[in-house]
Amino acid sequence: MRVYRSLILALAAVALLAGGCPATSTKPDVEQPKEPPEGANQIVAKGVKLDEPDPGKALIYVVRPDMKSGEVPFKVLIDGEEVGTLVGGKYLVKQVDPGSHTVVSESVNKSSITVKAEADKTYYLKQEAKEEDTKTKTKLVRISEEETKQAVAKCKRVKVDI
């Protein structure tokens, strides 16, 4: 009987210790991060400094901020030369001479834009991904400097030979 009583007391003590512990930390309350306010990307983007071209040159930014089909790589070619490959959440910057340049985004299809680059100016392009017939297609579109800043604020740069 004594053994039985000791066993019950031991089990009760274990149950109290295990079950009586709070589910959360006993540390003082720490304010949990909240959802960013509406327009937070614009606030973050204002602190982003974009590269400037060397004197007499131009820059082309190609961003792919969308994570939709983000694992599917899209090649970036400028004037037929592959300058990099982007997946979702990445961007690249390429310096070019003034003049006409064909920028191509390539996956199972090709999308191109001709940039008539002027000295000391920067041009901004975005790769978009579209699921079509179980394939991910690419589309290259022009975007604003502000949209580029927002993308750069949340993307990582892919190193290319500038």
N, C-alpha and C. Protein backbone atom coordinates (compact mmCIF):
# COMPACT_ATOMS: atom_id res chain seq x y z
N MET A 1 0.80 -1.18 0.00
CA MET A 1 0.00 0.00 0.00
C MET A 1 0.86 1.27 0.00
N ARG A 2 1.93 1.22 0.80
CA ARG A 2 2.83 2.35 0.86
C ARG A 2 3.50 2.59 -0.50
N VAL A 3 3.92 1.54 -1.16
CA VAL A 3 4.55 1.65 -2.49
C VAL A 3 3.55 2.24 -3.48
N TYR A 4 2.32 1.79 -3.40
CA TYR A 4 1.27 2.27 -4.28
C TYR A 4 1.03 3.76 -4.06
N ARG A 5 0.99 4.17 -2.80
CA ARG A 5 0.78 5.57 -2.45
C ARG A 5 1.96 6.43 -2.91
N SER A 6 3.18 5.96 -2.75
CA SER A 6 4.37 6.69 -3.20
C SER A 6 4.38 6.84 -4.71
N LEU A 7 3.96 5.79 -5.40
CA LEU A 7 3.90 5.83 -6.86
C LEU A 7 2.90 6.88 -7.33
N ILE A 8 1.74 6.93 -6.69
CA ILE A 8 0.71 7.91 -7.05
C ILE A 8 1.22 9.32 -6.78
N LEU A 9 1.87 9.53 -5.65
CA LEU A 9 2.40 10.86 -5.33
C LEU A 9 3.48 11.27 -6.32
N ALA A 10 4.33 10.34 -6.71
CA ALA A 10 5.39 10.64 -7.68
C ALA A 10 4.79 10.99 -9.03
N LEU A 11 3.79 10.23 -9.47
CA LEU A 11 3.12 10.52 -10.74
C LEU A 11 2.41 11.87 -10.69
N ALA A 12 1.79 12.18 -9.59
CA ALA A 12 1.10 13.47 -9.44
C ALA A 12 2.10 14.62 -9.50
N ALA A 13 3.24 14.44 -8.86
CA ALA A 13 4.27 15.48 -8.88
C ALA A 13 4.80 15.71 -10.29
N VAL A 14 5.03 14.64 -11.04
CA VAL A 14 5.50 14.76 -12.42
C VAL A 14 4.44 15.44 -13.27
N ALA A 15 3.18 15.06 -13.07
CA ALA A 15 2.08 15.67 -13.83
C ALA A 15 1.99 17.16 -13.53
N LEU A 16 2.15 17.54 -12.28
CA LEU A 16 2.09 18.95 -11.94
C LEU A 16 3.25 19.73 -12.53
N LEU A 17 4.43 19.13 -12.48
CA LEU A 17 5.60 19.80 -13.05
C LEU A 17 5.47 19.95 -14.56
N ALA A 18 5.08 18.91 -15.23
CA ALA A 18 4.97 18.94 -16.69
C ALA A 18 3.77 19.76 -17.14
N GLY A 19 2.65 19.55 -16.51
CA GLY A 19 1.43 20.21 -16.93
C GLY A 19 1.28 21.61 -16.38
N GLY A 20 1.97 21.90 -15.33
CA GLY A 20 1.82 23.19 -14.69
C GLY A 20 2.70 24.27 -15.28
N CYS A 21 3.60 23.91 -16.17
CA CYS A 21 4.50 24.89 -16.77
C CYS A 21 3.73 25.73 -17.77
N PRO A 22 3.96 27.02 -17.80
CA PRO A 22 3.28 27.85 -18.79
C PRO A 22 3.76 27.48 -20.19
N ALA A 23 2.88 27.63 -21.17
CA ALA A 23 3.22 27.31 -22.56
C ALA A 23 4.15 28.34 -23.15
N THR A 24 4.14 29.55 -22.61
CA THR A 24 5.00 30.59 -23.15
C THR A 24 6.14 30.83 -22.20
N SER A 25 7.09 31.58 -22.64
CA SER A 25 8.27 31.88 -21.84
C SER A 25 7.88 32.67 -20.60
N THR A 26 8.67 32.51 -19.54
CA THR A 26 8.43 33.28 -18.33
C THR A 26 9.18 34.61 -18.38
N LYS A 27 9.83 34.89 -19.49
CA LYS A 27 10.52 36.16 -19.65
C LYS A 27 9.48 37.27 -19.71
N PRO A 28 9.89 38.50 -19.40
CA PRO A 28 8.95 39.61 -19.48
C PRO A 28 8.36 39.68 -20.89
N ASP A 29 7.15 40.20 -20.95
CA ASP A 29 6.49 40.31 -22.25
C ASP A 29 7.34 41.13 -23.20
N VAL A 30 7.57 40.58 -24.38
CA VAL A 30 8.30 41.27 -25.44
C VAL A 30 7.31 41.49 -26.55
N GLU A 31 7.24 42.70 -27.03
CA GLU A 31 6.29 43.00 -28.09
C GLU A 31 6.67 42.25 -29.35
N GLN A 32 5.73 41.50 -29.87
CA GLN A 32 5.95 40.74 -31.09
C GLN A 32 5.89 41.67 -32.29
N PRO A 33 6.69 41.37 -33.35
CA PRO A 33 6.64 42.21 -34.53
C PRO A 33 5.24 42.18 -35.13
N LYS A 34 4.81 43.33 -35.59
CA LYS A 34 3.49 43.44 -36.19
C LYS A 34 3.63 43.46 -37.70
N GLU A 35 2.50 43.25 -38.37
CA GLU A 35 2.49 43.35 -39.82
C GLU A 35 2.92 44.76 -40.20
N PRO A 36 3.71 44.90 -41.29
CA PRO A 36 4.12 46.24 -41.68
C PRO A 36 2.89 47.07 -42.09
N PRO A 37 2.92 48.35 -41.81
CA PRO A 37 1.78 49.17 -42.18
C PRO A 37 1.64 49.28 -43.70
N GLU A 38 0.45 49.63 -44.13
CA GLU A 38 0.18 49.85 -45.55
C GLU A 38 1.21 50.84 -46.08
N GLY A 39 1.81 50.55 -47.23
CA GLY A 39 2.78 51.45 -47.82
C GLY A 39 4.17 51.33 -47.23
N ALA A 40 4.44 50.28 -46.45
CA ALA A 40 5.75 50.13 -45.82
C ALA A 40 6.85 49.97 -46.85
N ASN A 41 6.54 49.32 -47.98
CA ASN A 41 7.56 49.15 -49.02
C ASN A 41 8.06 50.50 -49.52
N GLN A 42 7.17 51.47 -49.62
CA GLN A 42 7.60 52.79 -50.07
C GLN A 42 8.54 53.41 -49.05
N ILE A 43 8.25 53.20 -47.78
CA ILE A 43 9.11 53.75 -46.72
C ILE A 43 10.49 53.12 -46.80
N VAL A 44 10.54 51.81 -46.92
CA VAL A 44 11.82 51.10 -47.02
C VAL A 44 12.54 51.53 -48.29
N ALA A 45 11.81 51.63 -49.38
CA ALA A 45 12.42 51.94 -50.67
C ALA A 45 13.07 53.32 -50.69
N LYS A 46 12.54 54.26 -49.89
CA LYS A 46 13.11 55.60 -49.90
C LYS A 46 14.56 55.61 -49.44
N GLY A 47 14.95 54.64 -48.63
CA GLY A 47 16.31 54.57 -48.15
C GLY A 47 17.25 53.84 -49.09
N VAL A 48 16.73 53.29 -50.17
CA VAL A 48 17.54 52.52 -51.12
C VAL A 48 18.26 53.46 -52.07
N LYS A 49 19.54 53.25 -52.19
CA LYS A 49 20.35 54.04 -53.13
C LYS A 49 20.70 53.15 -54.30
N LEU A 50 20.25 53.53 -55.47
CA LEU A 50 20.57 52.77 -56.68
C LEU A 50 21.93 53.22 -57.21
N ASP A 51 22.60 52.31 -57.92
CA ASP A 51 23.88 52.65 -58.53
C ASP A 51 23.69 53.72 -59.59
N GLU A 52 24.75 54.45 -59.83
CA GLU A 52 24.76 55.43 -60.91
C GLU A 52 25.79 54.99 -61.93
N PRO A 53 25.53 55.26 -63.20
CA PRO A 53 26.51 54.85 -64.22
C PRO A 53 27.79 55.68 -64.15
N ASP A 54 28.87 55.09 -64.62
CA ASP A 54 30.10 55.86 -64.77
C ASP A 54 29.84 56.97 -65.77
N PRO A 55 30.58 58.08 -65.69
CA PRO A 55 30.37 59.18 -66.65
C PRO A 55 30.47 58.68 -68.09
N GLY A 56 29.50 59.07 -68.91
CA GLY A 56 29.49 58.67 -70.31
C GLY A 56 28.91 57.29 -70.56
N LYS A 57 28.48 56.58 -69.51
CA LYS A 57 27.90 55.23 -69.64
C LYS A 57 26.42 55.25 -69.22
N ALA A 58 25.74 54.13 -69.38
CA ALA A 58 24.36 53.97 -68.93
C ALA A 58 24.27 52.67 -68.14
N LEU A 59 23.24 52.57 -67.29
CA LEU A 59 23.01 51.35 -66.51
C LEU A 59 21.65 50.76 -66.87
N ILE A 60 21.61 49.42 -66.85
CA ILE A 60 20.35 48.71 -67.03
C ILE A 60 20.15 47.82 -65.81
N TYR A 61 19.04 48.04 -65.10
CA TYR A 61 18.63 47.19 -63.99
C TYR A 61 17.61 46.19 -64.51
N VAL A 62 17.77 44.93 -64.13
CA VAL A 62 16.75 43.91 -64.40
C VAL A 62 16.43 43.28 -63.04
N VAL A 63 15.16 43.38 -62.62
CA VAL A 63 14.75 42.87 -61.32
C VAL A 63 13.73 41.75 -61.50
N ARG A 64 13.73 40.83 -60.54
CA ARG A 64 12.72 39.77 -60.51
C ARG A 64 12.26 39.60 -59.06
N PRO A 65 11.46 40.55 -58.57
CA PRO A 65 11.06 40.52 -57.17
C PRO A 65 10.01 39.48 -56.83
N ASP A 66 9.22 39.08 -57.81
CA ASP A 66 8.11 38.17 -57.57
C ASP A 66 8.61 36.75 -57.32
N MET A 67 8.13 36.14 -56.24
CA MET A 67 8.54 34.77 -55.91
C MET A 67 7.66 33.73 -56.61
N LYS A 68 6.65 34.18 -57.35
CA LYS A 68 5.80 33.26 -58.11
C LYS A 68 6.69 32.54 -59.12
N SER A 69 6.71 31.23 -59.05
CA SER A 69 7.59 30.41 -59.89
C SER A 69 9.04 30.86 -59.72
N GLY A 70 9.37 31.31 -58.52
CA GLY A 70 10.68 31.89 -58.24
C GLY A 70 11.86 30.97 -58.43
N GLU A 71 11.62 29.65 -58.36
CA GLU A 71 12.73 28.71 -58.51
C GLU A 71 13.10 28.48 -59.97
N VAL A 72 12.24 28.92 -60.91
CA VAL A 72 12.50 28.72 -62.34
C VAL A 72 13.46 29.82 -62.80
N PRO A 73 14.65 29.46 -63.28
CA PRO A 73 15.63 30.47 -63.69
C PRO A 73 15.28 31.10 -65.04
N PHE A 74 15.46 32.42 -65.12
CA PHE A 74 15.30 33.16 -66.38
C PHE A 74 16.65 33.78 -66.72
N LYS A 75 17.13 33.50 -67.92
CA LYS A 75 18.39 34.11 -68.36
C LYS A 75 18.15 35.56 -68.76
N VAL A 76 19.20 36.38 -68.60
CA VAL A 76 19.18 37.76 -69.06
C VAL A 76 20.30 37.91 -70.07
N LEU A 77 19.94 38.34 -71.28
CA LEU A 77 20.92 38.58 -72.33
C LEU A 77 20.84 40.04 -72.75
N ILE A 78 21.98 40.64 -73.00
CA ILE A 78 22.02 41.99 -73.55
C ILE A 78 22.86 41.92 -74.81
N ASP A 79 22.23 42.29 -75.90
CA ASP A 79 22.86 42.24 -77.22
C ASP A 79 23.41 40.85 -77.52
N GLY A 80 22.66 39.82 -77.15
CA GLY A 80 23.02 38.44 -77.45
C GLY A 80 24.00 37.80 -76.48
N GLU A 81 24.52 38.57 -75.54
CA GLU A 81 25.47 38.04 -74.56
C GLU A 81 24.76 37.78 -73.24
N GLU A 82 24.90 36.55 -72.71
CA GLU A 82 24.28 36.24 -71.42
C GLU A 82 25.03 36.97 -70.32
N VAL A 83 24.30 37.79 -69.56
CA VAL A 83 24.93 38.55 -68.49
C VAL A 83 24.59 38.00 -67.11
N GLY A 84 23.57 37.13 -67.03
CA GLY A 84 23.21 36.56 -65.75
C GLY A 84 21.93 35.76 -65.83
N THR A 85 21.62 35.10 -64.73
CA THR A 85 20.39 34.32 -64.60
C THR A 85 19.72 34.72 -63.30
N LEU A 86 18.43 35.01 -63.38
CA LEU A 86 17.69 35.43 -62.20
C LEU A 86 16.62 34.41 -61.81
N VAL A 87 16.48 34.22 -60.52
CA VAL A 87 15.35 33.49 -59.94
C VAL A 87 14.60 34.52 -59.10
N GLY A 88 13.46 34.14 -58.54
CA GLY A 88 12.69 35.08 -57.74
C GLY A 88 13.50 35.67 -56.61
N GLY A 89 13.33 36.97 -56.37
CA GLY A 89 14.04 37.63 -55.29
C GLY A 89 15.45 38.07 -55.63
N LYS A 90 15.77 38.15 -56.91
CA LYS A 90 17.13 38.55 -57.33
C LYS A 90 17.04 39.71 -58.34
N TYR A 91 18.16 40.41 -58.50
CA TYR A 91 18.26 41.44 -59.53
C TYR A 91 19.70 41.55 -59.98
N LEU A 92 19.89 42.21 -61.14
CA LEU A 92 21.24 42.46 -61.64
C LEU A 92 21.31 43.85 -62.24
N VAL A 93 22.54 44.35 -62.36
CA VAL A 93 22.80 45.66 -62.93
C VAL A 93 23.92 45.51 -63.93
N LYS A 94 23.73 46.06 -65.11
CA LYS A 94 24.76 45.98 -66.16
C LYS A 94 25.00 47.37 -66.74
N GLN A 95 26.27 47.75 -66.79
CA GLN A 95 26.65 49.03 -67.39
C GLN A 95 26.86 48.83 -68.89
N VAL A 96 26.36 49.78 -69.69
CA VAL A 96 26.47 49.68 -71.14
C VAL A 96 26.90 51.01 -71.73
N ASP A 97 27.39 50.96 -72.95
CA ASP A 97 27.69 52.18 -73.69
C ASP A 97 26.39 52.79 -74.19
N PRO A 98 26.37 54.10 -74.42
CA PRO A 98 25.16 54.69 -75.02
C PRO A 98 24.88 54.04 -76.38
N GLY A 99 23.61 54.00 -76.72
CA GLY A 99 23.20 53.39 -77.99
C GLY A 99 22.05 52.42 -77.79
N SER A 100 21.70 51.73 -78.84
CA SER A 100 20.57 50.80 -78.81
C SER A 100 21.03 49.43 -78.31
N HIS A 101 20.32 48.89 -77.33
CA HIS A 101 20.65 47.58 -76.75
C HIS A 101 19.38 46.74 -76.64
N THR A 102 19.48 45.50 -77.04
CA THR A 102 18.36 44.57 -76.92
C THR A 102 18.55 43.74 -75.67
N VAL A 103 17.59 43.85 -74.75
CA VAL A 103 17.62 43.08 -73.51
C VAL A 103 16.59 41.97 -73.66
N VAL A 104 17.04 40.73 -73.40
CA VAL A 104 16.16 39.57 -73.57
C VAL A 104 16.06 38.82 -72.24
N SER A 105 14.84 38.43 -71.91
CA SER A 105 14.58 37.53 -70.79
C SER A 105 14.19 36.20 -71.42
N GLU A 106 14.86 35.13 -70.99
CA GLU A 106 14.67 33.84 -71.67
C GLU A 106 14.37 32.72 -70.69
N SER A 107 13.29 32.00 -70.97
CA SER A 107 12.97 30.75 -70.25
C SER A 107 12.54 29.77 -71.33
N VAL A 108 11.31 29.27 -71.28
CA VAL A 108 10.83 28.42 -72.39
C VAL A 108 10.43 29.31 -73.56
N ASN A 109 10.36 30.60 -73.32
CA ASN A 109 10.09 31.58 -74.37
C ASN A 109 11.10 32.72 -74.23
N LYS A 110 11.01 33.70 -75.10
CA LYS A 110 11.86 34.89 -75.03
C LYS A 110 10.98 36.12 -75.05
N SER A 111 11.39 37.10 -74.25
CA SER A 111 10.72 38.40 -74.24
C SER A 111 11.83 39.44 -74.32
N SER A 112 11.66 40.42 -75.19
CA SER A 112 12.74 41.40 -75.34
C SER A 112 12.23 42.83 -75.34
N ILE A 113 13.12 43.72 -74.98
CA ILE A 113 12.88 45.16 -75.01
C ILE A 113 14.15 45.81 -75.55
N THR A 114 13.94 46.78 -76.41
CA THR A 114 15.08 47.56 -76.91
C THR A 114 15.21 48.81 -76.06
N VAL A 115 16.40 49.01 -75.52
CA VAL A 115 16.70 50.18 -74.71
C VAL A 115 17.59 51.10 -75.53
N LYS A 116 17.14 52.33 -75.73
CA LYS A 116 17.96 53.33 -76.43
C LYS A 116 18.67 54.13 -75.35
N ALA A 117 19.80 53.58 -74.93
CA ALA A 117 20.52 54.11 -73.78
C ALA A 117 21.21 55.43 -74.09
N GLU A 118 21.04 56.37 -73.18
CA GLU A 118 21.72 57.65 -73.26
C GLU A 118 22.76 57.71 -72.14
N ALA A 119 23.83 58.43 -72.41
CA ALA A 119 24.90 58.57 -71.42
C ALA A 119 24.35 59.13 -70.11
N ASP A 120 24.85 58.59 -69.00
CA ASP A 120 24.53 59.06 -67.65
C ASP A 120 23.08 58.81 -67.23
N LYS A 121 22.41 57.87 -67.89
CA LYS A 121 21.03 57.54 -67.53
C LYS A 121 20.93 56.08 -67.11
N THR A 122 19.85 55.77 -66.39
CA THR A 122 19.61 54.41 -65.92
C THR A 122 18.24 53.95 -66.40
N TYR A 123 18.15 52.66 -66.76
CA TYR A 123 16.92 52.07 -67.30
C TYR A 123 16.53 50.89 -66.42
N TYR A 124 15.21 50.74 -66.22
CA TYR A 124 14.71 49.78 -65.25
C TYR A 124 13.74 48.80 -65.92
N LEU A 125 14.06 47.50 -65.77
CA LEU A 125 13.23 46.45 -66.36
C LEU A 125 12.89 45.40 -65.30
N LYS A 126 11.77 44.75 -65.49
CA LYS A 126 11.35 43.69 -64.56
C LYS A 126 10.99 42.43 -65.35
N GLN A 127 11.47 41.30 -64.85
CA GLN A 127 11.08 40.00 -65.39
C GLN A 127 9.81 39.57 -64.67
N GLU A 128 8.77 39.27 -65.43
CA GLU A 128 7.54 38.73 -64.85
C GLU A 128 7.44 37.27 -65.21
N ALA A 129 6.83 36.48 -64.32
CA ALA A 129 6.65 35.04 -64.56
C ALA A 129 5.17 34.76 -64.72
N LYS A 130 4.85 33.90 -65.69
CA LYS A 130 3.46 33.54 -65.92
C LYS A 130 3.38 32.04 -66.19
N GLU A 131 2.55 31.36 -65.38
CA GLU A 131 2.32 29.93 -65.57
C GLU A 131 1.37 29.75 -66.75
N GLU A 132 1.80 28.94 -67.71
CA GLU A 132 0.96 28.70 -68.88
C GLU A 132 1.23 27.29 -69.40
N ASP A 133 0.19 26.46 -69.44
CA ASP A 133 0.33 25.09 -69.94
C ASP A 133 1.44 24.33 -69.21
N THR A 134 1.47 24.40 -67.90
CA THR A 134 2.46 23.75 -67.03
C THR A 134 3.89 24.23 -67.26
N LYS A 135 4.05 25.35 -67.95
CA LYS A 135 5.38 25.92 -68.18
C LYS A 135 5.38 27.34 -67.64
N THR A 136 6.54 27.77 -67.22
CA THR A 136 6.68 29.13 -66.72
C THR A 136 7.29 30.00 -67.80
N LYS A 137 6.50 30.97 -68.24
CA LYS A 137 6.96 31.88 -69.29
C LYS A 137 7.39 33.20 -68.68
N THR A 138 8.24 33.90 -69.40
CA THR A 138 8.77 35.17 -68.93
C THR A 138 8.25 36.31 -69.79
N LYS A 139 8.14 37.46 -69.16
CA LYS A 139 7.79 38.69 -69.88
C LYS A 139 8.63 39.80 -69.28
N LEU A 140 9.25 40.59 -70.13
CA LEU A 140 10.10 41.70 -69.72
C LEU A 140 9.30 42.99 -69.88
N VAL A 141 9.24 43.80 -68.83
CA VAL A 141 8.50 45.06 -68.88
C VAL A 141 9.34 46.19 -68.29
N ARG A 142 9.07 47.40 -68.75
CA ARG A 142 9.72 48.59 -68.20
C ARG A 142 9.02 48.96 -66.89
N ILE A 143 9.81 49.43 -65.92
CA ILE A 143 9.23 49.88 -64.66
C ILE A 143 9.87 51.20 -64.27
N SER A 144 9.30 51.83 -63.25
CA SER A 144 9.80 53.13 -62.79
C SER A 144 11.00 52.95 -61.86
N GLU A 145 11.67 54.06 -61.61
CA GLU A 145 12.78 54.05 -60.66
C GLU A 145 12.26 53.69 -59.27
N GLU A 146 11.09 54.20 -58.89
CA GLU A 146 10.53 53.92 -57.57
C GLU A 146 10.20 52.43 -57.42
N GLU A 147 9.61 51.83 -58.44
CA GLU A 147 9.31 50.40 -58.39
C GLU A 147 10.60 49.57 -58.31
N THR A 148 11.63 50.05 -58.99
CA THR A 148 12.93 49.37 -58.93
C THR A 148 13.49 49.45 -57.51
N LYS A 149 13.40 50.61 -56.89
CA LYS A 149 13.89 50.76 -55.51
C LYS A 149 13.16 49.80 -54.57
N GLN A 150 11.84 49.68 -54.75
CA GLN A 150 11.07 48.77 -53.91
C GLN A 150 11.53 47.33 -54.11
N ALA A 151 11.80 46.96 -55.36
CA ALA A 151 12.26 45.60 -55.65
C ALA A 151 13.65 45.35 -55.07
N VAL A 152 14.55 46.31 -55.26
CA VAL A 152 15.92 46.17 -54.78
C VAL A 152 15.95 46.06 -53.25
N ALA A 153 15.01 46.75 -52.58
CA ALA A 153 14.96 46.71 -51.12
C ALA A 153 14.69 45.31 -50.60
N LYS A 154 14.03 44.46 -51.38
CA LYS A 154 13.70 43.12 -50.90
C LYS A 154 14.36 42.01 -51.71
N CYS A 155 15.25 42.36 -52.62
CA CYS A 155 15.93 41.34 -53.45
C CYS A 155 17.43 41.34 -53.17
N LYS A 156 18.08 40.28 -53.64
CA LYS A 156 19.54 40.17 -53.53
C LYS A 156 20.14 40.34 -54.92
N ARG A 157 21.27 41.01 -54.93
CA ARG A 157 21.93 41.30 -56.21
C ARG A 157 22.73 40.11 -56.70
N VAL A 158 22.63 39.85 -57.98
CA VAL A 158 23.43 38.82 -58.65
C VAL A 158 24.62 39.54 -59.24
N LYS A 159 25.81 39.08 -58.93
CA LYS A 159 27.02 39.74 -59.41
C LYS A 159 27.22 39.44 -60.89
N VAL A 160 27.46 40.48 -61.65
CA VAL A 160 27.79 40.36 -63.07
C VAL A 160 28.98 41.26 -63.36
N ASP A 161 29.67 40.95 -64.44
CA ASP A 161 30.76 41.83 -64.86
C ASP A 161 30.14 43.10 -65.39
N ILE A 162 30.41 44.20 -64.70
CA ILE A 162 29.79 45.46 -65.09
C ILE A 162 30.54 46.00 -66.27
